[in-house]
Protein backbone atom coordinates (compact mmCIF):
# COMPACT_ATOMS: atom_id res chain seq x y z
CA MET A 1 8.55 -22.96 5.64
CA THR A 2 5.93 -22.61 2.94
CA LEU A 3 6.43 -24.65 -0.21
CA GLU A 4 7.32 -22.81 -3.43
CA ALA A 5 4.05 -23.90 -5.11
CA ASP A 6 2.08 -22.54 -2.13
CA ARG A 7 4.03 -19.28 -2.25
CA ASN A 8 3.19 -18.87 -5.94
CA SER A 9 -0.49 -19.61 -5.23
CA ILE A 10 -0.57 -17.05 -2.41
CA ILE A 11 1.03 -14.36 -4.60
CA ASP A 12 -1.39 -15.18 -7.43
CA LEU A 13 -4.36 -14.88 -5.05
CA ALA A 14 -3.07 -11.53 -3.75
CA ARG A 15 -2.63 -10.19 -7.30
CA LYS A 16 -6.19 -11.26 -8.23
CA ALA A 17 -7.55 -9.54 -5.10
CA ILE A 18 -5.58 -6.35 -5.86
CA PHE A 19 -6.89 -6.24 -9.43
CA ALA A 20 -10.48 -6.90 -8.29
CA ALA A 21 -10.31 -4.17 -5.63
CA ALA A 22 -8.72 -1.68 -8.04
CA SER A 23 -11.38 -2.47 -10.66
CA GLY A 24 -14.30 -2.41 -8.23
CA ASP A 25 -15.06 -6.06 -9.03
CA PRO A 26 -16.03 -8.77 -6.52
CA LEU A 27 -13.04 -10.22 -4.69
CA PRO A 28 -11.86 -13.68 -5.78
CA ALA A 29 -13.29 -16.81 -4.22
CA LEU A 30 -11.23 -18.71 -1.68
CA PRO A 31 -9.21 -21.31 -3.60
CA ASP A 32 -8.82 -24.94 -2.60
CA GLY A 33 -5.69 -26.05 -0.82
CA ASP A 34 -4.50 -26.69 2.70
CA ILE A 35 -2.40 -23.53 2.75
CA PHE A 36 -5.50 -21.37 2.29
CA ARG A 37 -7.44 -23.13 5.05
CA ARG A 38 -4.82 -22.81 7.77
CA GLU A 39 -5.06 -19.95 10.23
CA GLY A 40 -2.57 -17.16 10.64
CA GLY A 41 -1.84 -13.52 10.27
CA ALA A 42 -0.38 -11.93 7.17
CA PHE A 43 0.65 -8.60 5.71
CA VAL A 44 0.49 -7.78 2.02
CA THR A 45 2.99 -5.18 0.83
CA ILE A 46 2.64 -3.57 -2.58
CA LYS A 47 5.54 -1.73 -4.22
CA LYS A 48 5.81 0.13 -7.50
CA ASN A 49 9.28 0.71 -8.94
CA GLY A 50 10.69 -0.34 -5.57
CA ALA A 51 8.71 2.28 -3.62
CA LEU A 52 6.00 1.41 -1.12
CA ARG A 53 2.52 1.68 -2.68
CA GLY A 54 0.45 0.06 0.08
CA CYS A 55 0.81 -2.28 3.04
CA ILE A 56 -1.91 -3.66 5.25
CA GLY A 57 -2.08 -6.74 7.40
CA HIS A 58 -3.68 -8.52 10.29
CA PHE A 59 -1.74 -10.18 13.10
CA ILE A 60 -4.27 -12.84 13.92
CA GLY A 61 -5.93 -13.23 10.56
CA THR A 62 -9.54 -12.87 9.54
CA GLY A 63 -10.38 -16.55 9.51
CA SER A 64 -8.39 -18.68 7.13
CA LEU A 65 -5.08 -17.57 5.64
CA GLY A 66 -6.73 -17.44 2.20
CA LYS A 67 -9.41 -15.07 3.43
CA THR A 68 -6.79 -12.95 5.18
CA ILE A 69 -4.66 -12.71 2.02
CA ILE A 70 -7.68 -11.69 -0.08
CA GLU A 71 -8.80 -9.03 2.40
CA MET A 72 -5.33 -7.62 3.14
CA ALA A 73 -4.35 -7.47 -0.55
CA ALA A 74 -7.56 -5.62 -1.41
CA SER A 75 -7.09 -3.28 1.54
CA ALA A 76 -3.43 -2.58 0.69
CA ALA A 77 -4.55 -1.68 -2.83
CA VAL A 78 -7.40 0.69 -2.05
CA ARG A 79 -7.61 1.38 1.70
CA ASP A 80 -4.09 2.27 2.86
CA PRO A 81 -4.65 5.88 3.95
CA ARG A 82 -1.08 6.84 3.06
CA PHE A 83 -1.68 6.35 -0.67
CA SER A 84 -4.27 6.97 -3.35
CA PRO A 85 -6.11 3.82 -4.42
CA VAL A 86 -4.36 1.60 -6.95
CA GLU A 87 -5.74 2.03 -10.46
CA PRO A 88 -6.48 -1.07 -12.60
CA ASP A 89 -3.84 -0.10 -15.18
CA GLU A 90 -1.16 -0.04 -12.44
CA VAL A 91 -1.62 -3.63 -11.30
CA ASP A 92 0.77 -5.21 -13.83
CA ASP A 93 3.53 -2.86 -12.63
CA LEU A 94 3.16 -3.74 -8.95
CA GLU A 95 5.48 -5.99 -6.95
CA ILE A 96 3.85 -8.01 -4.16
CA ASP A 97 5.49 -9.16 -0.94
CA ILE A 98 3.71 -11.46 1.49
CA SER A 99 4.62 -11.72 5.17
CA LEU A 100 3.19 -14.75 6.98
CA LEU A 101 3.36 -13.95 10.68
CA THR A 102 4.01 -15.93 13.83
CA PRO A 103 1.99 -15.02 16.93
CA MET A 104 3.19 -11.95 18.83
CA ILE A 105 4.97 -12.37 22.15
CA PRO A 106 5.59 -9.74 24.84
CA ALA A 107 9.17 -8.44 24.77
CA ASP A 108 11.57 -6.05 26.40
CA PRO A 109 13.49 -3.61 24.20
CA GLU A 110 16.71 -5.60 24.55
CA ASP A 111 14.92 -8.70 23.16
CA VAL A 112 14.36 -7.05 19.77
CA ILE A 113 16.65 -8.36 17.02
CA PRO A 114 16.49 -6.03 14.00
CA GLY A 115 15.95 -7.97 10.77
CA GLU A 116 14.65 -11.01 12.63
CA HIS A 117 11.79 -9.52 14.64
CA GLY A 118 8.92 -7.34 13.68
CA VAL A 119 7.90 -4.94 16.45
CA TYR A 120 4.44 -3.94 17.62
CA ILE A 121 4.28 -1.10 20.16
CA LYS A 122 1.13 -0.16 22.04
CA PHE A 123 0.54 2.72 24.42
CA GLY A 124 -2.97 3.75 25.39
CA PHE A 125 -5.10 3.87 22.25
CA ARG A 126 -2.13 4.18 19.92
CA SER A 127 -0.22 1.34 18.33
CA GLY A 128 2.11 0.77 15.43
CA THR A 129 4.14 -1.96 13.85
CA LEU A 130 7.06 -2.37 11.52
CA LEU A 131 7.71 -5.69 9.79
CA PRO A 132 11.07 -7.45 10.28
CA GLN A 133 12.30 -6.61 6.79
CA VAL A 134 12.03 -2.86 7.44
CA ALA A 135 15.10 -2.91 9.70
CA THR A 136 17.04 -4.88 7.10
CA GLU A 137 16.00 -2.64 4.20
CA THR A 138 16.88 0.55 6.09
CA GLY A 139 19.94 -0.68 8.00
CA TRP A 140 18.43 0.41 11.32
CA ASP A 141 19.84 -0.73 14.64
CA ARG A 142 17.59 -1.76 17.56
CA GLU A 143 17.06 1.73 18.99
CA THR A 144 16.33 3.30 15.61
CA PHE A 145 13.91 0.49 14.75
CA LEU A 146 12.08 0.91 18.07
CA SER A 147 12.02 4.69 17.66
CA HIS A 148 10.51 4.49 14.17
CA THR A 149 7.89 2.03 15.39
CA CYS A 150 6.90 4.56 18.06
CA LEU A 151 6.71 7.32 15.44
CA LYS A 152 4.53 5.14 13.21
CA ALA A 153 2.15 4.76 16.18
CA GLY A 154 1.99 8.55 16.50
CA LEU A 155 3.99 8.46 19.73
CA PRO A 156 7.22 10.22 20.76
CA SER A 157 10.25 8.44 19.30
CA ASP A 158 11.58 7.50 22.73
CA CYS A 159 8.31 6.08 24.09
CA TRP A 160 9.74 2.54 23.87
CA LYS A 161 11.87 3.40 26.94
CA ARG A 162 8.79 3.85 29.16
CA ASP A 163 7.85 1.07 31.56
CA ASP A 164 4.14 1.38 30.72
CA VAL A 165 4.57 0.90 26.95
CA GLN A 166 3.78 -2.58 25.65
CA ILE A 167 6.28 -4.06 23.19
CA PHE A 168 5.68 -7.26 21.26
CA THR A 169 7.82 -9.11 18.74
CA TYR A 170 6.96 -11.55 16.01
CA THR A 171 8.73 -13.14 13.09
CA ALA A 172 7.62 -13.44 9.50
CA GLU A 173 8.20 -15.70 6.56
CA VAL A 174 8.54 -13.12 3.81
CA PHE A 175 8.48 -13.89 0.12
CA CYS A 176 7.95 -11.87 -2.98
CA GLU A 177 6.68 -12.41 -6.45
CA LYS A 178 10.16 -12.68 -7.91
CA GLY A 179 10.87 -15.63 -5.63
CA GLU A 180 13.37 -13.72 -3.51
CA ASP A 181 13.05 -14.23 0.24
CA THR A 182 13.62 -11.03 2.15
CA VAL A 183 13.61 -12.52 5.63
């Protein structure tokens, strides 16, 4: 479990990266601290008035956790193809959630526990993931969660039933700016 001070530092770094990306400024430098030097994957989720505004992550990380947070926060702000880029005057109104990920492990559909596991589905050149908190926020059961992960990958909703589809699970330590853990 990440310490509260580290959580606040991670959120602060993500907010600085979002503002820099939205403003077209250089991204912030990697801060000191053990938490930023450790390795690991992370997703940065941006919401505005409770609605998704951007979410990008990396399962393995892009070097250190600090570098991953900087790059994923900037990408969520201006490179998520589902949304227009964040404008500098929006940044103060954004809510930031951070998901620190465990490594993925191969799984069978019956292994998936909605709300505890994130799911990554891969078939051919298509893949998609939904973070653990998505099932909790939507109230989805296992089959619905798997089906929506398939749809996110651009696959038929029942593709998770195929023997040749790869399914992976992972868990996440999720925290948000307001100090509320969501998983």
